[in-house]
């Protein structure tokens, strides 16, 4: 696991150790400073203490980590790391949202659309996100009926154009799509679509990755494999999409 993280960060072994030390020391200092500050606030009720403490350490942690990173020579890495965290939590779109522009989602689905229905319902009255397009590779799929009831535009795609053609990028640009959510979509995403939407394509996989993922692992095949293996626990994994099946960074 650590080796994979090192490869993801593209750093040498020695620098990887310094980064881990920075995380550890920065976290310890954050906890220590947080407790000192909470002592000064004289909060005794546990119901108030816990949420206030969480807020305090959340705000202090980036500062502590940056301070520790300076003598260890890792300031640039952690500055970039914190910027990426900010982008992941939506800061990149903050200015557009403040101006009134909603974030446009496209949902890619191949079947009945149960996951798509839940996503549509969740964002139905949102002031900053809208489901702008439903993309489907099966003309008779149930998700198209859901789109019709919700008055959401649809796009039926064919494999040749999607895989070997323009990946329908002009159509996605037409609808000003910002993010793509794969909700039971069975085709592999082509490289040019991933390049056009880096860290902006999200997949829902019906197992706890990295187990029970990869080519051919979808739907009931996944559940059958989990049961056959005698697992005591299962669930879903939400992750970013890269050029490999079920391989991108895990979000949840």
Foldseek 3Di string as FASTA:
>chain_A
DLVVVCVVLVDDPVVSVLLVVLLVVLLVVLLVVLVVVLVVVPDDDPVPSVVVSVVSSVVRSLVSSLVSCVVSVCNVVSVVVVVVVCVLVPVVCVVVVVVQAAAEEEEEAEALCPVVLVVCVVCVPPSHYHHAEYEYQDPPHNVVVVCVVSVHHYHHDHDCCCAVNPVCVVVCVVSPHQAYEYDHHQDQHHQVVCVVHPQRYKYKAFWDPPPQWFPPRGDVNSVVVCVVVVDPDTGIWIAGDDNTTPDGHTDD
